[in-house]
N, C-alpha and C. Protein backbone atom coordinates (compact mmCIF):
# COMPACT_ATOMS: atom_id res chain seq x y z
N MET A 1 1.68 -8.68 -1.57
CA MET A 1 2.60 -8.98 -0.66
C MET A 1 4.08 -8.72 -1.05
N PHE A 2 4.83 -8.38 -0.12
CA PHE A 2 6.17 -8.05 -0.35
C PHE A 2 6.87 -9.19 -0.87
N ILE A 3 7.74 -9.06 -1.71
CA ILE A 3 8.77 -10.20 -2.15
C ILE A 3 10.31 -9.98 -1.92
N VAL A 4 10.38 -8.92 -0.97
CA VAL A 4 11.61 -8.47 -0.52
C VAL A 4 11.44 -8.46 0.99
N ARG A 5 12.54 -8.56 1.65
CA ARG A 5 12.53 -8.67 3.25
C ARG A 5 12.32 -7.24 3.68
N THR A 6 11.39 -7.08 4.70
CA THR A 6 11.04 -5.48 5.16
C THR A 6 11.07 -5.91 6.77
N SER A 7 10.97 -4.75 7.34
CA SER A 7 10.75 -4.79 8.90
C SER A 7 9.90 -3.36 9.07
N LEU A 8 9.40 -3.37 10.29
CA LEU A 8 8.47 -2.33 10.73
C LEU A 8 9.34 -1.37 11.74
N ARG A 9 9.14 -0.11 11.62
CA ARG A 9 9.91 0.67 12.47
C ARG A 9 8.98 2.06 12.63
N HIS A 10 9.45 2.88 13.51
CA HIS A 10 9.02 4.03 13.56
C HIS A 10 9.20 4.96 12.42
N SER A 11 8.17 5.68 11.80
CA SER A 11 8.68 6.43 10.66
C SER A 11 8.41 7.89 10.99
N SER A 12 9.48 8.73 10.38
CA SER A 12 9.29 10.12 10.37
C SER A 12 8.24 10.72 9.57
N ILE A 13 7.77 9.94 8.68
CA ILE A 13 6.49 10.38 7.92
C ILE A 13 5.16 10.27 8.58
N HIS A 14 5.04 9.13 9.13
CA HIS A 14 3.77 8.85 9.95
C HIS A 14 3.77 7.56 10.58
N GLY A 15 3.75 7.71 12.08
CA GLY A 15 3.48 6.40 12.92
C GLY A 15 4.60 5.36 12.57
N ILE A 16 4.08 4.20 11.98
CA ILE A 16 4.87 2.98 11.52
C ILE A 16 5.11 2.96 10.13
N GLY A 17 6.41 2.69 9.81
CA GLY A 17 6.75 2.57 8.28
C GLY A 17 7.35 1.26 8.03
N VAL A 18 7.52 1.10 6.60
CA VAL A 18 8.24 -0.20 6.24
C VAL A 18 9.50 0.22 5.73
N PHE A 19 10.61 -0.71 6.11
CA PHE A 19 11.91 -0.42 5.70
C PHE A 19 12.55 -1.65 5.22
N LEU A 20 13.28 -1.41 4.32
CA LEU A 20 13.92 -2.73 3.60
C LEU A 20 14.95 -3.23 4.43
N LYS A 21 15.13 -4.41 4.41
CA LYS A 21 16.18 -5.41 5.08
C LYS A 21 17.35 -5.72 4.09
N GLU A 22 17.07 -5.42 2.76
CA GLU A 22 17.91 -5.82 1.71
C GLU A 22 17.85 -4.51 0.81
N PRO A 23 18.79 -4.28 -0.16
CA PRO A 23 18.78 -3.30 -1.20
C PRO A 23 18.01 -3.85 -2.37
N VAL A 24 17.25 -2.87 -2.95
CA VAL A 24 16.55 -3.27 -4.18
C VAL A 24 17.18 -2.32 -5.25
N CYS A 25 17.02 -2.76 -6.61
CA CYS A 25 17.47 -2.02 -7.74
C CYS A 25 16.24 -1.33 -8.50
N LYS A 26 16.61 -0.32 -9.07
CA LYS A 26 15.46 0.37 -9.92
C LYS A 26 14.97 -0.63 -10.92
N GLY A 27 13.76 -0.60 -10.88
CA GLY A 27 12.73 -1.49 -11.87
C GLY A 27 12.50 -3.00 -11.06
N GLN A 28 13.20 -3.15 -9.90
CA GLN A 28 12.85 -4.52 -9.36
C GLN A 28 11.41 -4.59 -8.76
N VAL A 29 10.74 -5.62 -8.94
CA VAL A 29 9.29 -5.85 -8.38
C VAL A 29 9.51 -6.11 -6.78
N VAL A 30 9.02 -5.22 -6.01
CA VAL A 30 9.15 -5.17 -4.58
C VAL A 30 7.84 -5.75 -3.97
N TRP A 31 6.56 -5.36 -4.52
CA TRP A 31 5.36 -5.79 -4.04
C TRP A 31 4.55 -6.46 -5.11
N GLN A 32 3.73 -7.46 -5.07
CA GLN A 32 2.81 -7.88 -5.97
C GLN A 32 1.50 -8.37 -5.44
N TYR A 33 0.43 -7.97 -5.93
CA TYR A 33 -0.78 -8.59 -5.41
C TYR A 33 -0.81 -10.02 -5.42
N ASP A 34 -1.20 -10.68 -4.25
CA ASP A 34 -1.32 -12.22 -4.08
C ASP A 34 -2.55 -12.47 -3.29
N PRO A 35 -3.64 -13.04 -3.86
CA PRO A 35 -4.95 -13.31 -3.26
C PRO A 35 -4.58 -14.29 -1.87
N ARG A 36 -3.55 -14.92 -1.73
CA ARG A 36 -3.26 -15.82 -0.64
C ARG A 36 -2.89 -14.96 0.40
N VAL A 37 -2.50 -13.69 0.39
CA VAL A 37 -2.03 -12.80 1.20
C VAL A 37 -2.81 -11.58 1.30
N ASP A 38 -3.25 -11.12 0.13
CA ASP A 38 -4.01 -9.83 -0.10
C ASP A 38 -5.45 -10.12 -0.32
N VAL A 39 -6.21 -9.75 0.62
CA VAL A 39 -7.69 -10.08 0.68
C VAL A 39 -8.36 -8.71 -0.12
N ALA A 40 -9.22 -9.31 -1.16
CA ALA A 40 -9.97 -8.30 -1.92
C ALA A 40 -11.53 -8.42 -1.18
N ILE A 41 -11.93 -7.26 -0.53
CA ILE A 41 -13.11 -7.22 -0.01
C ILE A 41 -14.23 -6.26 -0.96
N PRO A 42 -15.30 -6.74 -1.45
CA PRO A 42 -16.09 -5.85 -2.19
C PRO A 42 -16.46 -4.62 -1.40
N ALA A 43 -16.35 -3.41 -1.90
CA ALA A 43 -16.61 -2.09 -1.15
C ALA A 43 -18.02 -2.05 -0.68
N SER A 44 -18.94 -2.87 -1.34
CA SER A 44 -20.28 -2.74 -1.08
C SER A 44 -20.54 -3.63 0.16
N GLU A 45 -19.68 -4.46 0.52
CA GLU A 45 -19.65 -5.06 1.96
C GLU A 45 -19.35 -4.32 3.08
N PHE A 46 -18.77 -3.11 2.96
CA PHE A 46 -18.26 -2.30 4.08
C PHE A 46 -19.22 -2.14 5.18
N ASP A 47 -20.39 -1.66 4.88
CA ASP A 47 -21.35 -1.41 5.78
C ASP A 47 -21.98 -2.49 6.64
N ASN A 48 -21.55 -3.75 6.14
CA ASN A 48 -21.95 -4.87 6.82
C ASN A 48 -21.06 -5.24 7.99
N PHE A 49 -19.84 -4.71 7.91
CA PHE A 49 -18.81 -4.93 9.19
C PHE A 49 -19.28 -4.02 10.43
N PRO A 50 -18.86 -4.55 11.49
CA PRO A 50 -19.16 -3.77 12.60
C PRO A 50 -18.35 -2.57 12.78
N PRO A 51 -18.83 -1.38 13.55
CA PRO A 51 -17.86 -0.05 13.49
C PRO A 51 -16.48 -0.24 13.69
N ALA A 52 -16.07 -1.14 14.64
CA ALA A 52 -14.65 -1.39 14.94
C ALA A 52 -13.86 -1.93 13.79
N ALA A 53 -14.34 -2.75 13.07
CA ALA A 53 -13.85 -3.34 11.88
C ALA A 53 -13.78 -2.29 10.70
N GLN A 54 -14.81 -1.51 10.50
CA GLN A 54 -14.78 -0.44 9.70
C GLN A 54 -13.74 0.64 9.72
N ASP A 55 -13.50 0.87 11.16
CA ASP A 55 -12.38 1.80 11.59
C ASP A 55 -11.14 1.19 10.97
N TYR A 56 -10.84 -0.08 11.23
CA TYR A 56 -9.77 -0.80 10.75
C TYR A 56 -9.54 -0.65 9.45
N LEU A 57 -10.64 -1.09 8.58
CA LEU A 57 -10.52 -1.19 7.17
C LEU A 57 -10.19 0.16 6.51
N LYS A 58 -10.95 1.25 7.10
CA LYS A 58 -10.56 2.54 6.63
C LYS A 58 -9.02 3.09 6.65
N ILE A 59 -8.37 2.55 7.67
CA ILE A 59 -7.05 2.70 7.88
C ILE A 59 -6.22 1.86 6.93
N TYR A 60 -6.43 0.60 6.96
CA TYR A 60 -5.56 -0.37 6.50
C TYR A 60 -5.83 -1.01 5.10
N THR A 61 -6.80 -0.54 4.48
CA THR A 61 -7.18 -1.00 3.00
C THR A 61 -6.92 0.01 2.14
N TYR A 62 -6.59 -0.24 0.87
CA TYR A 62 -6.72 0.74 -0.16
C TYR A 62 -7.82 0.15 -1.25
N VAL A 63 -8.39 1.24 -1.78
CA VAL A 63 -9.44 0.96 -2.74
C VAL A 63 -9.12 1.00 -4.10
N ALA A 64 -9.59 -0.07 -4.84
CA ALA A 64 -9.07 -0.19 -6.27
C ALA A 64 -10.21 -0.90 -6.93
N VAL A 65 -10.22 -0.80 -8.37
CA VAL A 65 -11.10 -1.37 -9.00
C VAL A 65 -10.48 -2.80 -9.62
N MET A 66 -11.09 -3.96 -9.39
CA MET A 66 -10.62 -5.27 -9.66
C MET A 66 -11.84 -5.88 -10.34
N ASP A 67 -11.60 -6.27 -11.62
CA ASP A 67 -12.77 -6.95 -12.36
C ASP A 67 -13.93 -6.17 -12.37
N GLU A 68 -13.87 -4.90 -12.60
CA GLU A 68 -14.86 -4.03 -12.77
C GLU A 68 -15.65 -3.77 -11.60
N ARG A 69 -15.19 -4.17 -10.30
CA ARG A 69 -15.76 -3.92 -9.06
C ARG A 69 -14.89 -3.10 -8.11
N ARG A 70 -15.53 -2.29 -7.31
CA ARG A 70 -14.76 -1.52 -6.42
C ARG A 70 -14.46 -2.31 -5.22
N MET A 71 -13.16 -2.45 -5.01
CA MET A 71 -12.85 -3.47 -3.96
C MET A 71 -11.87 -2.60 -2.91
N MET A 72 -11.90 -3.16 -1.80
CA MET A 72 -11.08 -2.66 -0.66
C MET A 72 -10.09 -3.95 -0.50
N ILE A 73 -8.65 -3.54 -0.61
CA ILE A 73 -7.70 -4.55 -0.68
C ILE A 73 -7.12 -4.42 0.86
N LEU A 74 -6.94 -5.54 1.54
CA LEU A 74 -6.44 -5.61 2.85
C LEU A 74 -5.10 -6.55 2.75
N CYS A 75 -4.11 -5.85 2.89
CA CYS A 75 -2.83 -6.60 2.81
C CYS A 75 -2.57 -7.27 4.28
N ALA A 76 -2.11 -8.48 4.15
CA ALA A 76 -1.88 -9.15 5.56
C ALA A 76 -0.43 -9.20 5.92
N ASP A 77 0.43 -8.60 5.07
CA ASP A 77 1.94 -8.51 5.55
C ASP A 77 2.11 -6.97 5.88
N ASN A 78 3.41 -6.68 5.90
CA ASN A 78 3.98 -5.39 6.32
C ASN A 78 3.50 -4.27 5.29
N SER A 79 2.95 -4.69 4.17
CA SER A 79 2.81 -3.59 3.23
C SER A 79 1.57 -2.69 3.50
N ARG A 80 0.85 -3.11 4.40
CA ARG A 80 -0.37 -2.41 4.91
C ARG A 80 0.23 -1.07 5.72
N HIS A 81 1.49 -1.05 6.02
CA HIS A 81 2.20 0.05 6.68
C HIS A 81 2.89 1.00 5.92
N VAL A 82 3.01 0.95 4.62
CA VAL A 82 3.66 1.69 3.65
C VAL A 82 3.08 3.07 3.78
N ASN A 83 3.86 4.11 3.95
CA ASN A 83 3.40 5.51 3.77
C ASN A 83 3.24 6.24 2.55
N HIS A 84 2.58 7.25 2.57
CA HIS A 84 2.44 8.05 1.22
C HIS A 84 3.72 9.13 1.15
N ALA A 85 4.17 9.36 -0.01
CA ALA A 85 4.97 10.52 -0.33
C ALA A 85 4.72 10.83 -1.71
N GLY A 86 4.99 12.13 -1.88
CA GLY A 86 4.67 12.84 -3.12
C GLY A 86 5.74 12.48 -4.07
N ALA A 87 6.92 12.03 -3.71
CA ALA A 87 7.99 11.64 -4.57
C ALA A 87 8.31 10.15 -4.17
N PRO A 88 7.69 9.18 -4.33
CA PRO A 88 7.72 7.81 -3.65
C PRO A 88 8.79 7.27 -4.29
N ASN A 89 9.27 6.05 -3.62
CA ASN A 89 10.43 5.31 -4.15
C ASN A 89 9.88 3.98 -4.79
N LEU A 90 8.57 3.75 -4.54
CA LEU A 90 7.97 2.62 -5.09
C LEU A 90 6.75 3.27 -6.24
N VAL A 91 6.65 2.64 -7.22
CA VAL A 91 5.55 3.11 -8.36
C VAL A 91 4.72 1.71 -8.67
N ASP A 92 3.37 2.07 -9.04
CA ASP A 92 2.63 0.98 -9.42
C ASP A 92 2.73 0.58 -10.87
N THR A 93 2.69 -0.45 -11.23
CA THR A 93 2.69 -0.99 -12.70
C THR A 93 1.24 -0.66 -13.19
N PRO A 94 1.27 -0.44 -14.67
CA PRO A 94 -0.18 -0.05 -15.22
C PRO A 94 -1.26 -0.60 -14.74
N ASP A 95 -1.22 -2.13 -14.50
CA ASP A 95 -2.36 -3.03 -14.05
C ASP A 95 -2.51 -2.97 -12.45
N GLY A 96 -1.64 -2.19 -11.70
CA GLY A 96 -1.94 -1.91 -10.24
C GLY A 96 -1.63 -3.32 -9.57
N LEU A 97 -1.12 -4.34 -10.13
CA LEU A 97 -0.85 -5.58 -9.41
C LEU A 97 0.53 -5.69 -8.96
N GLN A 98 1.55 -4.74 -9.24
CA GLN A 98 2.68 -4.85 -8.63
C GLN A 98 3.24 -3.32 -8.28
N GLU A 99 4.25 -3.27 -7.45
CA GLU A 99 4.94 -1.94 -7.22
C GLU A 99 6.40 -2.45 -7.51
N ILE A 100 6.99 -1.41 -8.12
CA ILE A 100 8.36 -1.68 -8.59
C ILE A 100 9.25 -0.37 -7.91
N ALA A 101 10.58 -0.47 -7.68
CA ALA A 101 11.32 0.45 -7.34
C ALA A 101 11.46 1.49 -8.34
N ALA A 102 11.25 2.81 -7.96
CA ALA A 102 11.41 3.91 -8.97
C ALA A 102 12.87 4.24 -9.09
N ARG A 103 13.72 3.71 -8.20
CA ARG A 103 14.99 4.03 -8.14
C ARG A 103 15.87 3.02 -7.35
N ASP A 104 17.22 2.91 -7.30
CA ASP A 104 17.80 2.05 -6.25
C ASP A 104 17.39 2.50 -4.95
N ILE A 105 17.31 1.67 -4.04
CA ILE A 105 16.82 1.84 -2.84
C ILE A 105 17.72 1.08 -1.87
N PRO A 106 18.42 1.70 -0.91
CA PRO A 106 19.43 0.88 -0.07
C PRO A 106 18.67 0.19 1.01
N ALA A 107 19.24 -0.72 1.62
CA ALA A 107 18.65 -1.52 2.83
C ALA A 107 18.57 -0.35 3.97
N GLY A 108 17.65 -0.42 4.71
CA GLY A 108 17.34 0.43 5.77
C GLY A 108 16.40 1.66 5.36
N LYS A 109 16.27 1.96 4.14
CA LYS A 109 15.45 3.06 3.64
C LYS A 109 13.90 2.72 3.82
N GLU A 110 13.21 3.64 4.13
CA GLU A 110 11.64 3.52 4.15
C GLU A 110 11.02 3.39 2.87
N LEU A 111 10.26 2.41 2.61
CA LEU A 111 9.42 2.43 1.35
C LEU A 111 8.25 3.15 1.44
N THR A 112 7.89 3.96 0.29
CA THR A 112 6.87 4.87 0.28
C THR A 112 6.29 4.66 -1.21
N CYS A 113 4.82 4.94 -1.29
CA CYS A 113 4.16 5.06 -2.35
C CYS A 113 3.37 6.25 -2.66
N ASP A 114 2.78 6.42 -3.70
CA ASP A 114 1.91 7.69 -3.90
C ASP A 114 0.34 7.04 -3.77
N TYR A 115 -0.14 7.44 -2.59
CA TYR A 115 -1.55 6.89 -2.52
C TYR A 115 -2.39 7.24 -3.57
N PHE A 116 -2.24 8.39 -4.17
CA PHE A 116 -3.14 8.84 -5.15
C PHE A 116 -2.95 8.00 -6.56
N ALA A 117 -2.04 7.32 -6.56
CA ALA A 117 -1.82 6.43 -7.82
C ALA A 117 -2.54 5.13 -7.62
N SER A 118 -2.61 4.62 -6.37
CA SER A 118 -3.20 3.32 -6.06
C SER A 118 -4.59 3.28 -5.28
N ASP A 119 -4.90 4.28 -4.65
CA ASP A 119 -6.04 4.25 -3.61
C ASP A 119 -7.09 5.25 -4.23
N LEU A 120 -8.21 4.81 -4.48
CA LEU A 120 -9.28 5.69 -4.89
C LEU A 120 -9.74 6.60 -3.85
N GLU A 121 -9.46 6.26 -2.57
CA GLU A 121 -9.83 6.85 -1.41
C GLU A 121 -8.75 7.83 -0.81
N ALA A 122 -7.59 8.07 -1.46
CA ALA A 122 -6.67 8.69 -1.01
C ALA A 122 -6.85 10.05 -0.48
N ALA A 123 -7.68 10.92 -1.33
CA ALA A 123 -8.04 12.17 -0.94
C ALA A 123 -8.67 12.16 0.48
N ALA A 124 -9.58 11.33 0.59
CA ALA A 124 -10.30 11.21 1.94
C ALA A 124 -9.48 10.79 2.99
N LYS A 125 -8.57 9.77 2.87
CA LYS A 125 -7.79 9.33 3.76
C LYS A 125 -6.61 10.25 4.23
N LEU A 126 -6.16 10.93 3.23
CA LEU A 126 -5.05 11.95 3.56
C LEU A 126 -5.64 13.45 3.84
N GLY A 127 -6.87 13.59 3.56
CA GLY A 127 -7.46 14.80 3.95
C GLY A 127 -7.01 16.00 3.06
N ARG A 128 -6.62 15.80 1.71
CA ARG A 128 -6.19 16.91 1.01
C ARG A 128 -5.99 16.29 -0.40
N GLU A 129 -5.64 17.21 -1.35
CA GLU A 129 -5.52 16.84 -2.67
C GLU A 129 -4.06 16.38 -3.00
N ASN A 130 -3.95 15.88 -4.06
CA ASN A 130 -2.67 15.07 -4.50
C ASN A 130 -1.43 16.11 -4.16
N VAL A 131 -0.65 15.57 -3.48
CA VAL A 131 0.52 16.19 -2.95
C VAL A 131 1.81 15.51 -3.30
């Protein structure tokens, strides 16, 4: 879940993006996994969802290993709309449980992350190799 204030707007990258409502400093934690907001769904459960829900989960989850299990993480806040960038302004911590600012980011700037650093399904979702 985001621990900074954000808003959703049209993105020049893709569809909807997440934009800061306040500036953040390099190294500041911007997002952290919180099971009260971020739902971890075992990937083995995917086929048990109806097709419409599967379509939604393919778009709005990222796949990671948690407790040695492949999980689909569904964020219930604006973070599910963060777009991919090759030179993102957010980077994952080594444990994957937080994202920190890679540099100072002013208010109004779109937040981006590297899907290939956080999502085991990034290549399939983006339809290409690491860019």
